[in-house]
Amino acid sequence: MGETVQPGPGVAGASASEFLDTTISRPEPATVLLSVRGEIDTLTAPAFTAATDELLAAPGETLVVDLSEVRFLASSGLAVLISAAHRAEERGLRLRLVVPTRAVRRPIEITGTGQLFDLHGDVAAATGGRD
């Protein structure tokens, strides 16, 4: 994710890795977890897309995106999530999102896209540990 992307106004020479960090783990054998930290906007959307592609390529019955450390979710980031949800559905899976903060939950609510995802307040609930 250290690839330099085309900078927008005010971020000359910035790379996506300065604003977005992603990690994929397997907290349980059938669960794949994508943890995201930072901002998801036009600058970081390509890196976020690559991370969701990796998530969707991993074998697993439960796909979770933890957005609890995301400070900002722009429409470009929401578009990546919507695309990932559709691709998960093609595999017979439903994408689970961890969205405890207003910064992430609000754009999902405003756009009415919440029905595309299973929304959870924390990772334990999303991975099936509890609701």
N, C-alpha and C. Protein backbone atom coordinates (compact mmCIF):
# COMPACT_ATOMS: atom_id res chain seq x y z
N MET A 1 0.80 -1.19 0.00
CA MET A 1 0.00 0.00 0.00
C MET A 1 0.84 1.26 0.00
N GLY A 2 2.12 1.14 -0.22
CA GLY A 2 2.98 2.29 -0.28
C GLY A 2 3.00 2.92 -1.65
N GLU A 3 2.16 2.45 -2.56
CA GLU A 3 2.13 2.97 -3.91
C GLU A 3 1.60 4.40 -3.89
N THR A 4 2.31 5.29 -4.59
CA THR A 4 1.86 6.67 -4.66
C THR A 4 0.73 6.77 -5.67
N VAL A 5 -0.35 7.40 -5.27
CA VAL A 5 -1.50 7.58 -6.15
C VAL A 5 -1.58 9.03 -6.57
N GLN A 6 -2.39 9.29 -7.57
CA GLN A 6 -2.53 10.66 -8.06
C GLN A 6 -3.08 11.55 -6.96
N PRO A 7 -2.32 12.52 -6.49
CA PRO A 7 -2.78 13.35 -5.38
C PRO A 7 -3.84 14.35 -5.81
N GLY A 8 -4.74 14.63 -4.88
CA GLY A 8 -5.75 15.66 -5.09
C GLY A 8 -5.23 16.97 -4.54
N PRO A 9 -6.04 18.01 -4.55
CA PRO A 9 -5.61 19.30 -4.02
C PRO A 9 -5.20 19.19 -2.56
N GLY A 10 -4.07 19.74 -2.23
CA GLY A 10 -3.64 19.80 -0.83
C GLY A 10 -2.92 18.57 -0.33
N VAL A 11 -2.75 17.56 -1.18
CA VAL A 11 -2.05 16.36 -0.73
C VAL A 11 -0.95 15.97 -1.72
N ALA A 12 -0.28 16.96 -2.28
CA ALA A 12 0.76 16.71 -3.27
C ALA A 12 1.77 15.70 -2.78
N GLY A 13 1.97 14.66 -3.57
CA GLY A 13 2.95 13.64 -3.26
C GLY A 13 2.54 12.67 -2.18
N ALA A 14 1.34 12.78 -1.67
CA ALA A 14 0.88 11.89 -0.60
C ALA A 14 0.63 10.50 -1.17
N SER A 15 0.83 9.51 -0.33
CA SER A 15 0.52 8.14 -0.74
C SER A 15 -0.64 7.64 0.11
N ALA A 16 -1.36 6.67 -0.44
CA ALA A 16 -2.53 6.13 0.26
C ALA A 16 -2.15 5.57 1.62
N SER A 17 -0.94 5.01 1.73
CA SER A 17 -0.53 4.39 2.99
C SER A 17 -0.39 5.40 4.12
N GLU A 18 -0.28 6.68 3.78
CA GLU A 18 -0.21 7.71 4.82
C GLU A 18 -1.57 7.95 5.47
N PHE A 19 -2.64 7.56 4.78
CA PHE A 19 -3.99 7.85 5.25
C PHE A 19 -4.83 6.61 5.52
N LEU A 20 -4.35 5.44 5.08
CA LEU A 20 -5.14 4.22 5.21
C LEU A 20 -4.22 3.04 5.50
N ASP A 21 -4.62 2.23 6.47
CA ASP A 21 -3.88 1.01 6.80
C ASP A 21 -4.89 -0.12 6.86
N THR A 22 -4.58 -1.23 6.21
CA THR A 22 -5.48 -2.38 6.22
C THR A 22 -4.71 -3.64 6.62
N THR A 23 -5.39 -4.51 7.33
CA THR A 23 -4.81 -5.78 7.75
C THR A 23 -5.86 -6.87 7.61
N ILE A 24 -5.46 -8.00 7.05
CA ILE A 24 -6.37 -9.14 6.95
C ILE A 24 -5.90 -10.22 7.91
N SER A 25 -6.85 -10.74 8.68
CA SER A 25 -6.54 -11.80 9.64
C SER A 25 -7.66 -12.84 9.62
N ARG A 26 -7.43 -13.91 10.35
CA ARG A 26 -8.41 -14.99 10.43
C ARG A 26 -8.63 -15.29 11.92
N PRO A 27 -9.57 -14.56 12.58
CA PRO A 27 -9.79 -14.76 14.01
C PRO A 27 -10.38 -16.13 14.34
N GLU A 28 -11.06 -16.73 13.38
CA GLU A 28 -11.63 -18.07 13.52
C GLU A 28 -11.41 -18.78 12.18
N PRO A 29 -11.37 -20.10 12.16
CA PRO A 29 -11.07 -20.81 10.91
C PRO A 29 -11.94 -20.43 9.71
N ALA A 30 -13.22 -20.17 9.92
CA ALA A 30 -14.12 -19.87 8.81
C ALA A 30 -14.36 -18.38 8.63
N THR A 31 -13.64 -17.54 9.38
CA THR A 31 -13.87 -16.09 9.36
C THR A 31 -12.64 -15.36 8.84
N VAL A 32 -12.87 -14.44 7.89
CA VAL A 32 -11.80 -13.58 7.39
C VAL A 32 -12.16 -12.16 7.78
N LEU A 33 -11.22 -11.47 8.44
CA LEU A 33 -11.45 -10.13 8.98
C LEU A 33 -10.51 -9.14 8.31
N LEU A 34 -11.09 -8.10 7.72
CA LEU A 34 -10.34 -6.98 7.17
C LEU A 34 -10.47 -5.82 8.14
N SER A 35 -9.36 -5.45 8.79
CA SER A 35 -9.36 -4.32 9.72
C SER A 35 -8.83 -3.10 8.98
N VAL A 36 -9.57 -1.99 9.09
CA VAL A 36 -9.24 -0.78 8.35
C VAL A 36 -9.04 0.37 9.33
N ARG A 37 -7.98 1.14 9.11
CA ARG A 37 -7.69 2.29 9.97
C ARG A 37 -7.36 3.49 9.09
N GLY A 38 -7.99 4.63 9.37
CA GLY A 38 -7.67 5.86 8.64
C GLY A 38 -8.87 6.47 7.97
N GLU A 39 -8.64 6.97 6.75
CA GLU A 39 -9.67 7.65 5.98
C GLU A 39 -9.89 6.91 4.67
N ILE A 40 -11.16 6.78 4.29
CA ILE A 40 -11.47 6.14 3.01
C ILE A 40 -12.12 7.20 2.13
N ASP A 41 -11.34 7.66 1.16
CA ASP A 41 -11.79 8.71 0.26
C ASP A 41 -11.24 8.44 -1.13
N THR A 42 -11.28 9.41 -2.02
CA THR A 42 -10.81 9.23 -3.39
C THR A 42 -9.34 8.82 -3.44
N LEU A 43 -8.52 9.38 -2.58
CA LEU A 43 -7.10 9.06 -2.55
C LEU A 43 -6.85 7.61 -2.14
N THR A 44 -7.58 7.13 -1.15
CA THR A 44 -7.32 5.81 -0.59
C THR A 44 -8.23 4.71 -1.15
N ALA A 45 -9.24 5.08 -1.93
CA ALA A 45 -10.19 4.08 -2.46
C ALA A 45 -9.50 2.97 -3.26
N PRO A 46 -8.49 3.25 -4.09
CA PRO A 46 -7.83 2.15 -4.80
C PRO A 46 -7.17 1.14 -3.84
N ALA A 47 -6.53 1.61 -2.80
CA ALA A 47 -5.92 0.71 -1.82
C ALA A 47 -7.00 -0.06 -1.06
N PHE A 48 -8.11 0.60 -0.75
CA PHE A 48 -9.22 -0.07 -0.07
C PHE A 48 -9.85 -1.13 -0.98
N THR A 49 -9.95 -0.83 -2.27
CA THR A 49 -10.46 -1.80 -3.23
C THR A 49 -9.57 -3.03 -3.27
N ALA A 50 -8.26 -2.82 -3.30
CA ALA A 50 -7.31 -3.95 -3.31
C ALA A 50 -7.48 -4.81 -2.05
N ALA A 51 -7.69 -4.16 -0.91
CA ALA A 51 -7.87 -4.89 0.35
C ALA A 51 -9.17 -5.69 0.34
N THR A 52 -10.25 -5.11 -0.20
CA THR A 52 -11.52 -5.86 -0.25
C THR A 52 -11.42 -6.99 -1.27
N ASP A 53 -10.66 -6.79 -2.35
CA ASP A 53 -10.43 -7.87 -3.31
C ASP A 53 -9.74 -9.04 -2.63
N GLU A 54 -8.74 -8.74 -1.81
CA GLU A 54 -8.02 -9.78 -1.07
C GLU A 54 -8.96 -10.50 -0.09
N LEU A 55 -9.80 -9.73 0.58
CA LEU A 55 -10.78 -10.32 1.51
C LEU A 55 -11.69 -11.29 0.77
N LEU A 56 -12.21 -10.85 -0.36
CA LEU A 56 -13.17 -11.67 -1.11
C LEU A 56 -12.51 -12.88 -1.76
N ALA A 57 -11.22 -12.83 -2.00
CA ALA A 57 -10.51 -13.97 -2.59
C ALA A 57 -10.16 -15.03 -1.55
N ALA A 58 -10.16 -14.65 -0.29
CA ALA A 58 -9.80 -15.58 0.78
C ALA A 58 -10.94 -16.56 1.03
N PRO A 59 -10.60 -17.84 1.23
CA PRO A 59 -11.66 -18.80 1.55
C PRO A 59 -12.19 -18.55 2.96
N GLY A 60 -13.49 -18.52 3.07
CA GLY A 60 -14.12 -18.31 4.37
C GLY A 60 -15.62 -18.24 4.22
N GLU A 61 -16.32 -18.54 5.29
CA GLU A 61 -17.77 -18.49 5.28
C GLU A 61 -18.29 -17.15 5.81
N THR A 62 -17.46 -16.47 6.60
CA THR A 62 -17.84 -15.20 7.19
C THR A 62 -16.81 -14.14 6.80
N LEU A 63 -17.27 -13.09 6.12
CA LEU A 63 -16.40 -12.00 5.71
C LEU A 63 -16.77 -10.75 6.49
N VAL A 64 -15.80 -10.20 7.23
CA VAL A 64 -16.05 -9.06 8.10
C VAL A 64 -15.10 -7.92 7.75
N VAL A 65 -15.64 -6.70 7.66
CA VAL A 65 -14.81 -5.51 7.49
C VAL A 65 -14.99 -4.68 8.75
N ASP A 66 -13.90 -4.52 9.50
CA ASP A 66 -13.92 -3.74 10.74
C ASP A 66 -13.56 -2.30 10.42
N LEU A 67 -14.55 -1.42 10.50
CA LEU A 67 -14.37 -0.01 10.18
C LEU A 67 -14.33 0.85 11.45
N SER A 68 -14.10 0.23 12.60
CA SER A 68 -14.17 0.96 13.87
C SER A 68 -13.08 2.02 14.01
N GLU A 69 -11.98 1.89 13.25
CA GLU A 69 -10.92 2.89 13.33
C GLU A 69 -10.87 3.78 12.09
N VAL A 70 -11.97 3.81 11.34
CA VAL A 70 -12.06 4.70 10.18
C VAL A 70 -12.60 6.04 10.64
N ARG A 71 -11.87 7.10 10.31
CA ARG A 71 -12.24 8.45 10.74
C ARG A 71 -13.16 9.15 9.74
N PHE A 72 -13.13 8.70 8.48
CA PHE A 72 -13.90 9.37 7.43
C PHE A 72 -14.23 8.36 6.34
N LEU A 73 -15.49 8.33 5.91
CA LEU A 73 -15.93 7.46 4.83
C LEU A 73 -16.61 8.31 3.76
N ALA A 74 -15.92 8.50 2.64
CA ALA A 74 -16.47 9.28 1.53
C ALA A 74 -17.29 8.37 0.62
N SER A 75 -17.98 8.97 -0.33
CA SER A 75 -18.81 8.19 -1.25
C SER A 75 -17.99 7.18 -2.04
N SER A 76 -16.73 7.50 -2.33
CA SER A 76 -15.88 6.55 -3.06
C SER A 76 -15.61 5.31 -2.21
N GLY A 77 -15.47 5.47 -0.92
CA GLY A 77 -15.29 4.33 -0.02
C GLY A 77 -16.56 3.52 0.11
N LEU A 78 -17.69 4.21 0.16
CA LEU A 78 -18.98 3.52 0.23
C LEU A 78 -19.21 2.72 -1.05
N ALA A 79 -18.79 3.27 -2.19
CA ALA A 79 -18.92 2.54 -3.46
C ALA A 79 -18.11 1.25 -3.43
N VAL A 80 -16.93 1.28 -2.83
CA VAL A 80 -16.10 0.07 -2.70
C VAL A 80 -16.83 -0.96 -1.85
N LEU A 81 -17.43 -0.52 -0.74
CA LEU A 81 -18.16 -1.44 0.13
C LEU A 81 -19.38 -2.04 -0.57
N ILE A 82 -20.09 -1.23 -1.34
CA ILE A 82 -21.26 -1.73 -2.07
C ILE A 82 -20.84 -2.78 -3.09
N SER A 83 -19.77 -2.50 -3.82
CA SER A 83 -19.25 -3.46 -4.79
C SER A 83 -18.84 -4.76 -4.10
N ALA A 84 -18.16 -4.64 -2.97
CA ALA A 84 -17.74 -5.83 -2.21
C ALA A 84 -18.95 -6.63 -1.73
N ALA A 85 -19.99 -5.93 -1.30
CA ALA A 85 -21.21 -6.61 -0.84
C ALA A 85 -21.85 -7.41 -1.98
N HIS A 86 -21.89 -6.82 -3.17
CA HIS A 86 -22.46 -7.52 -4.32
C HIS A 86 -21.62 -8.74 -4.70
N ARG A 87 -20.30 -8.58 -4.66
CA ARG A 87 -19.42 -9.71 -5.00
C ARG A 87 -19.52 -10.81 -3.94
N ALA A 88 -19.67 -10.44 -2.68
CA ALA A 88 -19.85 -11.44 -1.62
C ALA A 88 -21.16 -12.19 -1.84
N GLU A 89 -22.20 -11.45 -2.21
CA GLU A 89 -23.50 -12.06 -2.45
C GLU A 89 -23.43 -13.08 -3.60
N GLU A 90 -22.62 -12.78 -4.62
CA GLU A 90 -22.44 -13.72 -5.72
C GLU A 90 -21.83 -15.04 -5.24
N ARG A 91 -21.08 -14.99 -4.15
CA ARG A 91 -20.49 -16.19 -3.55
C ARG A 91 -21.44 -16.83 -2.54
N GLY A 92 -22.63 -16.25 -2.39
CA GLY A 92 -23.59 -16.77 -1.42
C GLY A 92 -23.30 -16.31 -0.01
N LEU A 93 -22.53 -15.23 0.14
CA LEU A 93 -22.16 -14.71 1.45
C LEU A 93 -22.71 -13.30 1.63
N ARG A 94 -22.78 -12.88 2.86
CA ARG A 94 -23.21 -11.51 3.16
C ARG A 94 -22.06 -10.83 3.89
N LEU A 95 -21.72 -9.65 3.43
CA LEU A 95 -20.62 -8.90 4.02
C LEU A 95 -21.07 -8.30 5.35
N ARG A 96 -20.28 -8.52 6.37
CA ARG A 96 -20.57 -7.99 7.70
C ARG A 96 -19.65 -6.80 7.95
N LEU A 97 -20.25 -5.70 8.39
CA LEU A 97 -19.47 -4.49 8.68
C LEU A 97 -19.53 -4.17 10.16
N VAL A 98 -18.39 -3.79 10.73
CA VAL A 98 -18.33 -3.29 12.10
C VAL A 98 -18.30 -1.77 11.97
N VAL A 99 -19.39 -1.12 12.42
CA VAL A 99 -19.56 0.32 12.25
C VAL A 99 -20.02 0.99 13.54
N PRO A 100 -19.15 1.07 14.54
CA PRO A 100 -19.56 1.64 15.82
C PRO A 100 -19.56 3.17 15.85
N THR A 101 -18.92 3.80 14.87
CA THR A 101 -18.79 5.26 14.93
C THR A 101 -19.74 5.96 13.96
N ARG A 102 -20.11 7.15 14.31
CA ARG A 102 -20.98 7.97 13.47
C ARG A 102 -20.30 8.30 12.13
N ALA A 103 -18.99 8.46 12.14
CA ALA A 103 -18.25 8.81 10.92
C ALA A 103 -18.48 7.79 9.80
N VAL A 104 -18.72 6.56 10.16
CA VAL A 104 -18.95 5.51 9.17
C VAL A 104 -20.43 5.16 9.06
N ARG A 105 -21.12 5.08 10.17
CA ARG A 105 -22.53 4.69 10.15
C ARG A 105 -23.40 5.73 9.42
N ARG A 106 -23.11 7.00 9.61
CA ARG A 106 -23.95 8.06 9.04
C ARG A 106 -24.01 8.03 7.51
N PRO A 107 -22.88 7.92 6.80
CA PRO A 107 -22.99 7.84 5.33
C PRO A 107 -23.80 6.63 4.86
N ILE A 108 -23.70 5.53 5.59
CA ILE A 108 -24.47 4.33 5.24
C ILE A 108 -25.96 4.59 5.45
N GLU A 109 -26.31 5.24 6.56
CA GLU A 109 -27.71 5.55 6.85
C GLU A 109 -28.28 6.55 5.85
N ILE A 110 -27.53 7.62 5.57
CA ILE A 110 -28.02 8.68 4.68
C ILE A 110 -28.31 8.14 3.28
N THR A 111 -27.46 7.25 2.81
CA THR A 111 -27.62 6.72 1.45
C THR A 111 -28.59 5.55 1.37
N GLY A 112 -29.04 5.05 2.51
CA GLY A 112 -29.99 3.94 2.52
C GLY A 112 -29.38 2.62 2.06
N THR A 113 -28.07 2.50 2.19
CA THR A 113 -27.40 1.28 1.73
C THR A 113 -27.20 0.25 2.84
N GLY A 114 -27.68 0.54 4.02
CA GLY A 114 -27.49 -0.37 5.15
C GLY A 114 -28.04 -1.76 4.93
N GLN A 115 -29.10 -1.89 4.11
CA GLN A 115 -29.69 -3.20 3.88
C GLN A 115 -28.77 -4.13 3.09
N LEU A 116 -27.72 -3.60 2.50
CA LEU A 116 -26.78 -4.43 1.74
C LEU A 116 -25.81 -5.19 2.63
N PHE A 117 -25.71 -4.78 3.89
CA PHE A 117 -24.72 -5.33 4.80
C PHE A 117 -25.38 -5.85 6.07
N ASP A 118 -24.64 -6.69 6.78
CA ASP A 118 -24.99 -7.00 8.17
C ASP A 118 -24.17 -6.03 9.00
N LEU A 119 -24.82 -5.10 9.68
CA LEU A 119 -24.13 -4.07 10.46
C LEU A 119 -24.03 -4.50 11.92
N HIS A 120 -22.84 -4.32 12.49
CA HIS A 120 -22.58 -4.71 13.88
C HIS A 120 -21.82 -3.61 14.59
N GLY A 121 -21.95 -3.58 15.91
CA GLY A 121 -21.30 -2.56 16.73
C GLY A 121 -19.88 -2.90 17.13
N ASP A 122 -19.51 -4.19 17.06
CA ASP A 122 -18.14 -4.57 17.39
C ASP A 122 -17.77 -5.87 16.68
N VAL A 123 -16.48 -6.18 16.71
CA VAL A 123 -15.97 -7.35 16.00
C VAL A 123 -16.54 -8.65 16.57
N ALA A 124 -16.68 -8.74 17.87
CA ALA A 124 -17.21 -9.97 18.49
C ALA A 124 -18.60 -10.29 17.95
N ALA A 125 -19.44 -9.29 17.83
CA ALA A 125 -20.79 -9.51 17.29
C ALA A 125 -20.74 -9.90 15.82
N ALA A 126 -19.87 -9.26 15.06
CA ALA A 126 -19.78 -9.53 13.62
C ALA A 126 -19.22 -10.91 13.32
N THR A 127 -18.34 -11.40 14.17
CA THR A 127 -17.73 -12.71 13.92
C THR A 127 -18.54 -13.84 14.54
N GLY A 128 -19.65 -13.50 15.17
CA GLY A 128 -20.52 -14.53 15.72
C GLY A 128 -20.28 -14.83 17.18
N GLY A 129 -19.36 -14.08 17.80
CA GLY A 129 -19.08 -14.29 19.22
C GLY A 129 -20.25 -13.92 20.10
N ARG A 130 -20.98 -12.88 19.70
CA ARG A 130 -22.17 -12.43 20.45
C ARG A 130 -22.86 -11.36 19.63
N ASP A 131 -24.08 -11.02 20.01
CA ASP A 131 -24.80 -9.93 19.34
C ASP A 131 -25.07 -8.79 20.25
